[in-house]
Amino acid sequence: MKKYTYTEKKDTRSGFGAGMTELGQENDNVVALCADLVGSLKLAPFIKENPDRFFQCGISEANMIGLSAGLTIGGKIPFATTFANFATGRVYDQIRQSVAYSNKNVKICASHAGITLGEDGATHQILEDIGMMRMLPGMTVINPCDYNQTKAATKAIADFEGPVYLRFGRPVVPIFTDPDQKFEIGKAWMVNEGKDVSIFATGHLVWEAIQAGEMLEKEGIDAEIINIHTIKPLDEEAILKSVRKTGCAVSAEEHNRLGGLGDSIAQVLVKNQLVPQEYVAVDDSFGESGTPEKLMEKYGLTAKDIVAAAKRAIERKS
């Protein structure tokens, strides 16, 4: 098993900010919009260098989506930014009608996703956004795992034609992926090959899955770990190739167990390769206020929870 280490932790939203800064220098058609959260979205460098390509929409997210859709008509590539809760739940109708139905080239970039938003509590900790966005026809859904991958994904979606939902977060997490990586939309990343259980993880839980793999190795269990950074379109080929080898699966996500990565994988398995699957996700509930670490523990999203799920999956296949 390949060992992953890190020397630094950063929030994935800073990876988005870094990607936007480079896009501002490289692509004149990229414009940024924000709903009064410039600091949280790390857009200050982009704005400083490109003041005429930034639109402060204020606390008016629906208007921001409408503006974004309109900007595409003139050939611009709008990056509409705010918290994930406001980027999806508050403006779902506008996204459905003005962006998805019209197939507009809008990039909806959402920070502070999941439960690790922490102390702001349940009203801000959206856990349904992946499900909401993946149900929209034509919408691409991406959830990168660390600073470097978020930066690479931010730059990649600028070259992709069509609506995109890019999800990232607030807490600092280990940086363990290649700083010069090529981000391939719709292509899963093999983190570690194994033969006993397939662990499919996304976002912040990829690092937890890596830690779980090391814990399982000490018990003689060889886990295959795959980073599903693109939830839609899903890399079905990678999923099926893995489970046909291991015979069982675990999905791990910082999201409601309904409608997210786990259900996406289950749909693939039920159609093509029936194997036992265990979910590591929030069990159909809202969150609460607390530190990210305590919330991850309470809601069952840690490496230990992935280990337990892997053992259950292996037991069910025997």
C-alpha atoms as a PDB file:
ATOM      1  CA  MET A   1       0.000   0.000   0.000  1.00  0.00           C
ATOM      2  CA  LYS A   2       1.306   3.425  -0.975  1.00  0.00           C
ATOM      3  CA  LYS A   3       1.844   5.700   2.010  1.00  0.00           C
ATOM      4  CA  TYR A   4       0.535   9.249   1.796  1.00  0.00           C
ATOM      5  CA  THR A   5       2.037  11.976   3.945  1.00  0.00           C
ATOM      6  CA  TYR A   6       1.630  15.714   4.160  1.00  0.00           C
ATOM      7  CA  THR A   7       3.607  18.703   5.371  1.00  0.00           C
ATOM      8  CA  GLU A   8       0.822  21.266   5.295  1.00  0.00           C
ATOM      9  CA  LYS A   9      -2.896  21.640   5.836  1.00  0.00           C
ATOM     10  CA  LYS A  10      -5.080  24.123   3.989  1.00  0.00           C
ATOM     11  CA  ASP A  11      -8.760  24.658   3.404  1.00  0.00           C
ATOM     12  CA  THR A  12     -10.095  23.568   0.036  1.00  0.00           C
ATOM     13  CA  ARG A  13     -11.740  26.987  -0.439  1.00  0.00           C
ATOM     14  CA  SER A  14      -8.229  28.470  -0.593  1.00  0.00           C
ATOM     15  CA  GLY A  15      -7.493  26.059  -3.437  1.00  0.00           C
ATOM     16  CA  PHE A  16     -10.475  27.544  -5.222  1.00  0.00           C
ATOM     17  CA  GLY A  17      -9.168  31.051  -4.615  1.00  0.00           C
ATOM     18  CA  ALA A  18      -5.748  30.117  -5.976  1.00  0.00           C
ATOM     19  CA  GLY A  19      -7.326  28.567  -9.052  1.00  0.00           C
ATOM     20  CA  MET A  20      -9.393  31.695  -9.659  1.00  0.00           C
ATOM     21  CA  THR A  21      -6.311  33.891  -9.394  1.00  0.00           C
ATOM     22  CA  GLU A  22      -4.570  31.883 -12.108  1.00  0.00           C
ATOM     23  CA  LEU A  23      -7.690  31.799 -14.278  1.00  0.00           C
ATOM     24  CA  GLY A  24      -7.896  35.575 -14.014  1.00  0.00           C
ATOM     25  CA  GLN A  25      -4.423  35.783 -15.515  1.00  0.00           C
ATOM     26  CA  GLU A  26      -4.956  33.137 -18.176  1.00  0.00           C
ATOM     27  CA  ASN A  27      -8.543  33.456 -19.435  1.00  0.00           C
ATOM     28  CA  ASP A  28     -10.072  36.866 -20.159  1.00  0.00           C
ATOM     29  CA  ASN A  29     -13.568  35.390 -20.381  1.00  0.00           C
ATOM     30  CA  VAL A  30     -13.595  34.212 -16.755  1.00  0.00           C
ATOM     31  CA  VAL A  31     -15.656  36.503 -14.518  1.00  0.00           C
ATOM     32  CA  ALA A  32     -16.503  36.115 -10.840  1.00  0.00           C
ATOM     33  CA  LEU A  33     -19.720  36.880  -8.999  1.00  0.00           C
ATOM     34  CA  CYS A  34     -20.227  36.724  -5.247  1.00  0.00           C
ATOM     35  CA  ALA A  35     -23.128  37.051  -2.820  1.00  0.00           C
ATOM     36  CA  ASP A  36     -21.382  39.218  -0.198  1.00  0.00           C
ATOM     37  CA  LEU A  37     -18.842  36.535   0.841  1.00  0.00           C
ATOM     38  CA  VAL A  38     -15.629  37.617  -0.910  1.00  0.00           C
ATOM     39  CA  GLY A  39     -13.430  36.857   2.096  1.00  0.00           C
ATOM     40  CA  SER A  40     -14.879  33.422   2.661  1.00  0.00           C
ATOM     41  CA  LEU A  41     -14.499  32.498  -1.015  1.00  0.00           C
ATOM     42  CA  LYS A  42     -10.868  33.761  -1.153  1.00  0.00           C
ATOM     43  CA  LEU A  43     -11.543  36.005  -4.151  1.00  0.00           C
ATOM     44  CA  ALA A  44      -9.543  39.072  -3.067  1.00  0.00           C
ATOM     45  CA  PRO A  45      -6.512  38.398  -5.336  1.00  0.00           C
ATOM     46  CA  PHE A  46      -8.761  37.837  -8.369  1.00  0.00           C
ATOM     47  CA  ILE A  47     -10.649  41.052  -7.661  1.00  0.00           C
ATOM     48  CA  LYS A  48      -7.486  43.077  -7.140  1.00  0.00           C
ATOM     49  CA  GLU A  49      -6.093  41.986 -10.503  1.00  0.00           C
ATOM     50  CA  ASN A  50      -9.418  42.016 -12.386  1.00  0.00           C
ATOM     51  CA  PRO A  51     -11.743  44.610 -10.822  1.00  0.00           C
ATOM     52  CA  ASP A  52     -13.730  44.975 -14.044  1.00  0.00           C
ATOM     53  CA  ARG A  53     -14.430  41.220 -14.133  1.00  0.00           C
ATOM     54  CA  PHE A  54     -15.999  40.974 -10.685  1.00  0.00           C
ATOM     55  CA  PHE A  55     -19.641  41.536  -9.761  1.00  0.00           C
ATOM     56  CA  GLN A  56     -20.672  41.944  -6.132  1.00  0.00           C
ATOM     57  CA  CYS A  57     -24.290  40.824  -6.035  1.00  0.00           C
ATOM     58  CA  GLY A  58     -24.884  41.265  -2.324  1.00  0.00           C
ATOM     59  CA  ILE A  59     -27.190  38.976  -0.388  1.00  0.00           C
ATOM     60  CA  SER A  60     -29.205  38.250  -3.524  1.00  0.00           C
ATOM     61  CA  GLU A  61     -28.243  34.780  -4.653  1.00  0.00           C
ATOM     62  CA  ALA A  62     -31.162  34.319  -7.049  1.00  0.00           C
ATOM     63  CA  ASN A  63     -30.176  37.498  -8.856  1.00  0.00           C
ATOM     64  CA  MET A  64     -26.563  36.275  -8.983  1.00  0.00           C
ATOM     65  CA  ILE A  65     -27.637  33.101 -10.782  1.00  0.00           C
ATOM     66  CA  GLY A  66     -29.720  35.090 -13.250  1.00  0.00           C
ATOM     67  CA  LEU A  67     -26.825  37.459 -13.930  1.00  0.00           C
ATOM     68  CA  SER A  68     -24.521  34.493 -14.449  1.00  0.00           C
ATOM     69  CA  ALA A  69     -26.849  32.926 -16.981  1.00  0.00           C
ATOM     70  CA  GLY A  70     -27.041  36.226 -18.863  1.00  0.00           C
ATOM     71  CA  LEU A  71     -23.284  36.687 -18.918  1.00  0.00           C
ATOM     72  CA  THR A  72     -22.838  33.399 -20.759  1.00  0.00           C
ATOM     73  CA  ILE A  73     -24.789  34.777 -23.718  1.00  0.00           C
ATOM     74  CA  GLY A  74     -21.939  37.210 -24.351  1.00  0.00           C
ATOM     75  CA  GLY A  75     -19.340  34.449 -24.168  1.00  0.00           C
ATOM     76  CA  LYS A  76     -18.271  35.002 -20.579  1.00  0.00           C
ATOM     77  CA  ILE A  77     -17.545  32.120 -18.192  1.00  0.00           C
ATOM     78  CA  PRO A  78     -19.194  33.139 -14.906  1.00  0.00           C
ATOM     79  CA  PHE A  79     -18.108  31.637 -11.596  1.00  0.00           C
ATOM     80  CA  ALA A  80     -21.006  32.262  -9.185  1.00  0.00           C
ATOM     81  CA  THR A  81     -19.797  31.924  -5.593  1.00  0.00           C
ATOM     82  CA  THR A  82     -21.327  31.697  -2.134  1.00  0.00           C
ATOM     83  CA  PHE A  83     -21.867  29.170   0.679  1.00  0.00           C
ATOM     84  CA  ALA A  84     -23.137  25.768  -0.482  1.00  0.00           C
ATOM     85  CA  ASN A  85     -26.394  26.176   1.427  1.00  0.00           C
ATOM     86  CA  PHE A  86     -27.182  29.424  -0.377  1.00  0.00           C
ATOM     87  CA  ALA A  87     -25.758  28.240  -3.712  1.00  0.00           C
ATOM     88  CA  THR A  88     -28.222  25.357  -3.943  1.00  0.00           C
ATOM     89  CA  GLY A  89     -31.080  25.294  -1.435  1.00  0.00           C
ATOM     90  CA  ARG A  90     -31.869  29.000  -1.635  1.00  0.00           C
ATOM     91  CA  VAL A  91     -31.774  29.278  -5.433  1.00  0.00           C
ATOM     92  CA  TYR A  92     -32.702  25.843  -6.757  1.00  0.00           C
ATOM     93  CA  ASP A  93     -35.476  27.189  -8.958  1.00  0.00           C
ATOM     94  CA  GLN A  94     -33.182  29.713 -10.638  1.00  0.00           C
ATOM     95  CA  ILE A  95     -30.494  27.065 -11.199  1.00  0.00           C
ATOM     96  CA  ARG A  96     -33.024  24.637 -12.650  1.00  0.00           C
ATOM     97  CA  GLN A  97     -34.689  27.104 -14.987  1.00  0.00           C
ATOM     98  CA  SER A  98     -31.961  29.590 -15.959  1.00  0.00           C
ATOM     99  CA  VAL A  99     -28.873  27.359 -15.878  1.00  0.00           C
ATOM    100  CA  ALA A 100     -29.650  23.628 -16.157  1.00  0.00           C
ATOM    101  CA  TYR A 101     -32.734  23.730 -18.395  1.00  0.00           C
ATOM    102  CA  SER A 102     -31.089  26.340 -20.591  1.00  0.00           C
ATOM    103  CA  ASN A 103     -27.740  24.507 -20.507  1.00  0.00           C
ATOM    104  CA  LYS A 104     -25.850  27.678 -19.686  1.00  0.00           C
ATOM    105  CA  ASN A 105     -22.080  27.602 -19.141  1.00  0.00           C
ATOM    106  CA  VAL A 106     -22.317  28.690 -15.485  1.00  0.00           C
ATOM    107  CA  LYS A 107     -19.945  27.437 -12.797  1.00  0.00           C
ATOM    108  CA  ILE A 108     -21.660  27.336  -9.391  1.00  0.00           C
ATOM    109  CA  CYS A 109     -18.849  27.293  -6.842  1.00  0.00           C
ATOM    110  CA  ALA A 110     -19.908  26.509  -3.298  1.00  0.00           C
ATOM    111  CA  SER A 111     -17.832  26.803  -0.155  1.00  0.00           C
ATOM    112  CA  HIS A 112     -18.579  25.781   3.446  1.00  0.00           C
ATOM    113  CA  ALA A 113     -20.277  22.545   2.337  1.00  0.00           C
ATOM    114  CA  GLY A 114     -21.099  19.670   4.629  1.00  0.00           C
ATOM    115  CA  ILE A 115     -20.978  19.320   8.369  1.00  0.00           C
ATOM    116  CA  THR A 116     -17.416  20.622   8.811  1.00  0.00           C
ATOM    117  CA  LEU A 117     -18.697  24.170   8.488  1.00  0.00           C
ATOM    118  CA  GLY A 118     -18.812  23.615  12.230  1.00  0.00           C
ATOM    119  CA  GLU A 119     -20.055  26.156  14.722  1.00  0.00           C
ATOM    120  CA  ASP A 120     -22.456  27.931  12.326  1.00  0.00           C
ATOM    121  CA  GLY A 121     -24.808  25.016  12.836  1.00  0.00           C
ATOM    122  CA  ALA A 122     -27.541  23.148  10.988  1.00  0.00           C
ATOM    123  CA  THR A 123     -29.014  26.132   9.136  1.00  0.00           C
ATOM    124  CA  HIS A 124     -25.731  26.533   7.233  1.00  0.00           C
ATOM    125  CA  GLN A 125     -24.485  22.913   7.109  1.00  0.00           C
ATOM    126  CA  ILE A 126     -26.151  21.704   3.941  1.00  0.00           C
ATOM    127  CA  LEU A 127     -25.973  17.938   3.554  1.00  0.00           C
ATOM    128  CA  GLU A 128     -28.366  17.579   0.614  1.00  0.00           C
ATOM    129  CA  ASP A 129     -26.606  19.640  -2.061  1.00  0.00           C
ATOM    130  CA  ILE A 130     -24.908  16.822  -3.990  1.00  0.00           C
ATOM    131  CA  GLY A 131     -28.227  15.017  -4.345  1.00  0.00           C
ATOM    132  CA  MET A 132     -30.053  18.171  -5.422  1.00  0.00           C
ATOM    133  CA  MET A 133     -27.483  19.077  -8.047  1.00  0.00           C
ATOM    134  CA  ARG A 134     -26.860  15.626  -9.485  1.00  0.00           C
ATOM    135  CA  MET A 135     -30.589  15.257 -10.192  1.00  0.00           C
ATOM    136  CA  LEU A 136     -30.506  18.220 -12.577  1.00  0.00           C
ATOM    137  CA  PRO A 137     -30.116  17.043 -16.196  1.00  0.00           C
ATOM    138  CA  GLY A 138     -26.807  18.115 -17.681  1.00  0.00           C
ATOM    139  CA  MET A 139     -25.294  19.294 -14.400  1.00  0.00           C
ATOM    140  CA  THR A 140     -21.728  18.175 -13.667  1.00  0.00           C
ATOM    141  CA  VAL A 141     -21.003  17.688  -9.936  1.00  0.00           C
ATOM    142  CA  ILE A 142     -17.442  17.830  -8.564  1.00  0.00           C
ATOM    143  CA  ASN A 143     -16.233  17.444  -4.966  1.00  0.00           C
ATOM    144  CA  PRO A 144     -12.393  17.576  -4.718  1.00  0.00           C
ATOM    145  CA  CYS A 145     -10.419  16.287  -1.740  1.00  0.00           C
ATOM    146  CA  ASP A 146      -7.674  18.810  -0.900  1.00  0.00           C
ATOM    147  CA  TYR A 147      -6.195  22.219  -1.741  1.00  0.00           C
ATOM    148  CA  ASN A 148      -4.254  21.064  -4.790  1.00  0.00           C
ATOM    149  CA  GLN A 149      -7.104  19.085  -6.284  1.00  0.00           C
ATOM    150  CA  THR A 150      -9.554  21.948  -5.725  1.00  0.00           C
ATOM    151  CA  LYS A 151      -7.213  24.356  -7.490  1.00  0.00           C
ATOM    152  CA  ALA A 152      -6.843  21.946 -10.413  1.00  0.00           C
ATOM    153  CA  ALA A 153     -10.605  21.353 -10.587  1.00  0.00           C
ATOM    154  CA  THR A 154     -11.311  25.090 -10.582  1.00  0.00           C
ATOM    155  CA  LYS A 155      -9.083  25.566 -13.608  1.00  0.00           C
ATOM    156  CA  ALA A 156     -10.435  22.482 -15.376  1.00  0.00           C
ATOM    157  CA  ILE A 157     -14.085  23.538 -15.233  1.00  0.00           C
ATOM    158  CA  ALA A 158     -13.257  26.812 -17.004  1.00  0.00           C
ATOM    159  CA  ASP A 159     -12.359  24.752 -20.086  1.00  0.00           C
ATOM    160  CA  PHE A 160     -15.440  22.548 -19.754  1.00  0.00           C
ATOM    161  CA  GLU A 161     -18.550  23.604 -21.662  1.00  0.00           C
ATOM    162  CA  GLY A 162     -21.722  23.301 -19.604  1.00  0.00           C
ATOM    163  CA  PRO A 163     -23.118  23.915 -16.095  1.00  0.00           C
ATOM    164  CA  VAL A 164     -20.966  22.736 -13.184  1.00  0.00           C
ATOM    165  CA  TYR A 165     -21.444  22.504  -9.426  1.00  0.00           C
ATOM    166  CA  LEU A 166     -18.069  22.652  -7.658  1.00  0.00           C
ATOM    167  CA  ARG A 167     -18.217  21.867  -3.927  1.00  0.00           C
ATOM    168  CA  PHE A 168     -15.498  22.635  -1.357  1.00  0.00           C
ATOM    169  CA  GLY A 169     -15.089  23.431   2.308  1.00  0.00           C
ATOM    170  CA  ARG A 170     -13.987  25.562   5.206  1.00  0.00           C
ATOM    171  CA  PRO A 171     -11.754  23.383   7.441  1.00  0.00           C
ATOM    172  CA  VAL A 172      -8.035  22.904   6.928  1.00  0.00           C
ATOM    173  CA  VAL A 173      -7.242  19.381   5.682  1.00  0.00           C
ATOM    174  CA  PRO A 174      -3.990  17.645   4.672  1.00  0.00           C
ATOM    175  CA  ILE A 175      -2.571  18.461   1.247  1.00  0.00           C
ATOM    176  CA  PHE A 176      -1.563  15.107  -0.194  1.00  0.00           C
ATOM    177  CA  THR A 177      -2.212  15.262  -3.940  1.00  0.00           C
ATOM    178  CA  ASP A 178       0.183  16.396  -6.663  1.00  0.00           C
ATOM    179  CA  PRO A 179       0.432  20.193  -7.028  1.00  0.00           C
ATOM    180  CA  ASP A 180       0.875  19.796 -10.783  1.00  0.00           C
ATOM    181  CA  GLN A 181      -1.898  17.261 -11.315  1.00  0.00           C
ATOM    182  CA  LYS A 182      -4.116  17.188 -14.371  1.00  0.00           C
ATOM    183  CA  PHE A 183      -7.739  17.153 -13.260  1.00  0.00           C
ATOM    184  CA  GLU A 184      -9.889  14.892 -15.451  1.00  0.00           C
ATOM    185  CA  ILE A 185     -13.601  15.502 -15.063  1.00  0.00           C
ATOM    186  CA  GLY A 186     -15.449  12.194 -14.749  1.00  0.00           C
ATOM    187  CA  LYS A 187     -12.314  10.114 -14.160  1.00  0.00           C
ATOM    188  CA  ALA A 188     -11.849   8.504 -10.741  1.00  0.00           C
ATOM    189  CA  TRP A 189      -8.399   8.559  -9.121  1.00  0.00           C
ATOM    190  CA  MET A 190      -6.948   5.286  -7.860  1.00  0.00           C
ATOM    191  CA  VAL A 191      -5.419   6.181  -4.484  1.00  0.00           C
ATOM    192  CA  ASN A 192      -4.388   2.668  -3.465  1.00  0.00           C
ATOM    193  CA  GLU A 193      -5.005  -0.706  -5.063  1.00  0.00           C
ATOM    194  CA  GLY A 194      -6.274  -3.575  -2.957  1.00  0.00           C
ATOM    195  CA  LYS A 195      -8.145  -6.863  -3.149  1.00  0.00           C
ATOM    196  CA  ASP A 196     -10.414  -7.229  -0.084  1.00  0.00           C
ATOM    197  CA  VAL A 197     -12.781  -4.216  -0.120  1.00  0.00           C
ATOM    198  CA  SER A 198     -13.383  -1.184  -2.345  1.00  0.00           C
ATOM    199  CA  ILE A 199     -13.601   2.145  -0.522  1.00  0.00           C
ATOM    200  CA  PHE A 200     -15.031   4.937  -2.663  1.00  0.00           C
ATOM    201  CA  ALA A 201     -14.573   8.317  -1.013  1.00  0.00           C
ATOM    202  CA  THR A 202     -15.159  11.932  -1.977  1.00  0.00           C
ATOM    203  CA  GLY A 203     -14.162  15.341  -0.640  1.00  0.00           C
ATOM    204  CA  HIS A 204     -12.805  15.569   2.884  1.00  0.00           C
ATOM    205  CA  LEU A 205     -13.410  11.864   3.445  1.00  0.00           C
ATOM    206  CA  VAL A 206     -10.706  10.815   0.995  1.00  0.00           C
ATOM    207  CA  TRP A 207      -8.049  11.523   3.611  1.00  0.00           C
ATOM    208  CA  GLU A 208     -10.130   9.646   6.201  1.00  0.00           C
ATOM    209  CA  ALA A 209     -10.295   6.712   3.772  1.00  0.00           C
ATOM    210  CA  ILE A 210      -6.509   6.747   3.392  1.00  0.00           C
ATOM    211  CA  GLN A 211      -6.142   6.621   7.168  1.00  0.00           C
ATOM    212  CA  ALA A 212      -8.702   3.815   7.310  1.00  0.00           C
ATOM    213  CA  GLY A 213      -6.734   1.873   4.710  1.00  0.00           C
ATOM    214  CA  GLU A 214      -3.632   2.029   6.877  1.00  0.00           C
ATOM    215  CA  MET A 215      -5.607   0.872   9.914  1.00  0.00           C
ATOM    216  CA  LEU A 216      -7.101  -2.021   7.953  1.00  0.00           C
ATOM    217  CA  GLU A 217      -3.670  -3.014   6.651  1.00  0.00           C
ATOM    218  CA  LYS A 218      -2.507  -3.552  10.232  1.00  0.00           C
ATOM    219  CA  GLU A 219      -5.315  -6.096  10.595  1.00  0.00           C
ATOM    220  CA  GLY A 220      -4.396  -7.896   7.394  1.00  0.00           C
ATOM    221  CA  ILE A 221      -7.122  -6.341   5.245  1.00  0.00           C
ATOM    222  CA  ASP A 222      -6.078  -5.028   1.840  1.00  0.00           C
ATOM    223  CA  ALA A 223      -8.360  -2.096   0.956  1.00  0.00           C
ATOM    224  CA  GLU A 224      -8.666  -0.521  -2.462  1.00  0.00           C
ATOM    225  CA  ILE A 225      -9.214   3.225  -2.105  1.00  0.00           C
ATOM    226  CA  ILE A 226     -10.621   5.312  -4.942  1.00  0.00           C
ATOM    227  CA  ASN A 227     -11.204   9.052  -4.956  1.00  0.00           C
ATOM    228  CA  ILE A 228     -14.514   9.834  -6.663  1.00  0.00           C
ATOM    229  CA  HIS A 229     -14.013  13.562  -7.114  1.00  0.00           C
ATOM    230  CA  THR A 230     -16.589  13.723  -9.924  1.00  0.00           C
ATOM    231  CA  ILE A 231     -19.923  12.439  -8.710  1.00  0.00           C
ATOM    232  CA  LYS A 232     -21.624  13.246 -11.998  1.00  0.00           C
ATOM    233  CA  PRO A 233     -20.695  12.007 -14.559  1.00  0.00           C
ATOM    234  CA  LEU A 234     -19.710   9.011 -12.452  1.00  0.00           C
ATOM    235  CA  ASP A 235     -16.791   6.808 -13.477  1.00  0.00           C
ATOM    236  CA  GLU A 236     -18.828   3.612 -13.631  1.00  0.00           C
ATOM    237  CA  GLU A 237     -16.034   1.677 -15.296  1.00  0.00           C
ATOM    238  CA  ALA A 238     -13.652   2.295 -12.382  1.00  0.00           C
ATOM    239  CA  ILE A 239     -16.307   1.350  -9.834  1.00  0.00           C
ATOM    240  CA  LEU A 240     -17.218  -1.912 -11.560  1.00  0.00           C
ATOM    241  CA  LYS A 241     -13.611  -2.900 -12.206  1.00  0.00           C
ATOM    242  CA  SER A 242     -12.874  -2.477  -8.501  1.00  0.00           C
ATOM    243  CA  VAL A 243     -15.873  -4.331  -7.048  1.00  0.00           C
ATOM    244  CA  ARG A 244     -15.450  -7.219  -9.468  1.00  0.00           C
ATOM    245  CA  LYS A 245     -12.063  -7.713  -7.858  1.00  0.00           C
ATOM    246  CA  THR A 246     -12.945  -7.089  -4.204  1.00  0.00           C
ATOM    247  CA  GLY A 247     -16.551  -8.289  -4.037  1.00  0.00           C
ATOM    248  CA  CYS A 248     -17.788  -5.539  -1.703  1.00  0.00           C
ATOM    249  CA  ALA A 249     -17.924  -1.748  -1.400  1.00  0.00           C
ATOM    250  CA  VAL A 250     -17.938   1.153   1.039  1.00  0.00           C
ATOM    251  CA  SER A 251     -18.958   4.684   0.082  1.00  0.00           C
ATOM    252  CA  ALA A 252     -17.734   7.585   2.224  1.00  0.00           C
ATOM    253  CA  GLU A 253     -19.032  11.136   1.964  1.00  0.00           C
ATOM    254  CA  GLU A 254     -19.705  14.257   4.027  1.00  0.00           C
ATOM    255  CA  HIS A 255     -23.337  14.323   2.933  1.00  0.00           C
ATOM    256  CA  ASN A 256     -26.709  12.836   3.712  1.00  0.00           C
ATOM    257  CA  ARG A 257     -26.722   9.102   3.025  1.00  0.00           C
ATOM    258  CA  LEU A 258     -29.708   9.772   0.717  1.00  0.00           C
ATOM    259  CA  GLY A 259     -29.003  11.070  -2.760  1.00  0.00           C
ATOM    260  CA  GLY A 260     -25.234  11.444  -2.657  1.00  0.00           C
ATOM    261  CA  LEU A 261     -22.221   9.379  -3.671  1.00  0.00           C
ATOM    262  CA  GLY A 262     -23.454   6.229  -1.955  1.00  0.00           C
ATOM    263  CA  ASP A 263     -26.738   6.195  -3.818  1.00  0.00           C
ATOM    264  CA  SER A 264     -24.939   6.975  -7.084  1.00  0.00           C
ATOM    265  CA  ILE A 265     -22.728   3.925  -6.597  1.00  0.00           C
ATOM    266  CA  ALA A 266     -25.668   1.763  -5.490  1.00  0.00           C
ATOM    267  CA  GLN A 267     -27.440   2.518  -8.768  1.00  0.00           C
ATOM    268  CA  VAL A 268     -24.406   1.294 -10.678  1.00  0.00           C
ATOM    269  CA  LEU A 269     -24.113  -1.855  -8.592  1.00  0.00           C
ATOM    270  CA  VAL A 270     -27.779  -2.813  -8.737  1.00  0.00           C
ATOM    271  CA  LYS A 271     -27.726  -2.598 -12.539  1.00  0.00           C
ATOM    272  CA  ASN A 272     -24.379  -4.264 -13.170  1.00  0.00           C
ATOM    273  CA  GLN A 273     -22.749  -6.071 -10.259  1.00  0.00           C
ATOM    274  CA  LEU A 274     -24.631  -6.871  -7.086  1.00  0.00           C
ATOM    275  CA  VAL A 275     -22.199  -6.781  -4.171  1.00  0.00           C
ATOM    276  CA  PRO A 276     -22.608  -5.798  -0.505  1.00  0.00           C
ATOM    277  CA  GLN A 277     -22.300  -2.043   0.053  1.00  0.00           C
ATOM    278  CA  GLU A 278     -21.966  -0.068   3.281  1.00  0.00           C
ATOM    279  CA  TYR A 279     -22.513   3.680   3.603  1.00  0.00           C
ATOM    280  CA  VAL A 280     -20.416   6.131   5.622  1.00  0.00           C
ATOM    281  CA  ALA A 281     -22.509   9.283   5.597  1.00  0.00           C
ATOM    282  CA  VAL A 282     -24.788  11.383   7.787  1.00  0.00           C
ATOM    283  CA  ASP A 283     -27.778   9.189   8.619  1.00  0.00           C
ATOM    284  CA  ASP A 284     -30.651  11.299   7.262  1.00  0.00           C
ATOM    285  CA  SER A 285     -30.432  14.118   9.799  1.00  0.00           C
ATOM    286  CA  PHE A 286     -29.505  17.754  10.080  1.00  0.00           C
ATOM    287  CA  GLY A 287     -26.267  18.773  11.766  1.00  0.00           C
ATOM    288  CA  GLU A 288     -25.651  20.967  14.788  1.00  0.00           C
ATOM    289  CA  SER A 289     -23.125  23.445  16.137  1.00  0.00           C
ATOM    290  CA  GLY A 290     -19.716  22.113  17.136  1.00  0.00           C
ATOM    291  CA  THR A 291     -16.114  21.825  16.054  1.00  0.00           C
ATOM    292  CA  PRO A 292     -15.562  20.048  12.745  1.00  0.00           C
ATOM    293  CA  GLU A 293     -13.645  17.259  14.487  1.00  0.00           C
ATOM    294  CA  LYS A 294     -16.374  16.598  17.062  1.00  0.00           C
ATOM    295  CA  LEU A 295     -19.092  16.688  14.418  1.00  0.00           C
ATOM    296  CA  MET A 296     -17.208  14.248  12.188  1.00  0.00           C
ATOM    297  CA  GLU A 297     -16.975  11.907  15.156  1.00  0.00           C
ATOM    298  CA  LYS A 298     -20.590  12.282  16.272  1.00  0.00           C
ATOM    299  CA  TYR A 299     -22.034  11.784  12.810  1.00  0.00           C
ATOM    300  CA  GLY A 300     -19.850   8.793  11.975  1.00  0.00           C
ATOM    301  CA  LEU A 301     -17.549  10.231   9.306  1.00  0.00           C
ATOM    302  CA  THR A 302     -14.094   9.333  10.632  1.00  0.00           C
ATOM    303  CA  ALA A 303     -11.464   6.811   9.574  1.00  0.00           C
ATOM    304  CA  LYS A 304     -12.655   4.508  12.364  1.00  0.00           C
ATOM    305  CA  ASP A 305     -16.161   4.567  10.942  1.00  0.00           C
ATOM    306  CA  ILE A 306     -14.819   3.654   7.502  1.00  0.00           C
ATOM    307  CA  VAL A 307     -12.870   0.755   9.042  1.00  0.00           C
ATOM    308  CA  ALA A 308     -16.016  -0.533  10.731  1.00  0.00           C
ATOM    309  CA  ALA A 309     -17.994  -0.225   7.490  1.00  0.00           C
ATOM    310  CA  ALA A 310     -15.299  -2.069   5.555  1.00  0.00           C
ATOM    311  CA  LYS A 311     -15.392  -4.964   8.011  1.00  0.00           C
ATOM    312  CA  ARG A 312     -19.187  -5.150   7.749  1.00  0.00           C
ATOM    313  CA  ALA A 313     -18.995  -5.205   3.959  1.00  0.00           C
ATOM    314  CA  ILE A 314     -16.378  -7.971   3.971  1.00  0.00           C
ATOM    315  CA  GLU A 315     -18.421 -10.024   6.437  1.00  0.00           C
ATOM    316  CA  ARG A 316     -21.521  -9.722   4.239  1.00  0.00           C
ATOM    317  CA  LYS A 317     -19.757 -11.088   1.147  1.00  0.00           C
ATOM    318  CA  SER A 318     -18.555 -14.256   2.873  1.00  0.00           C
END
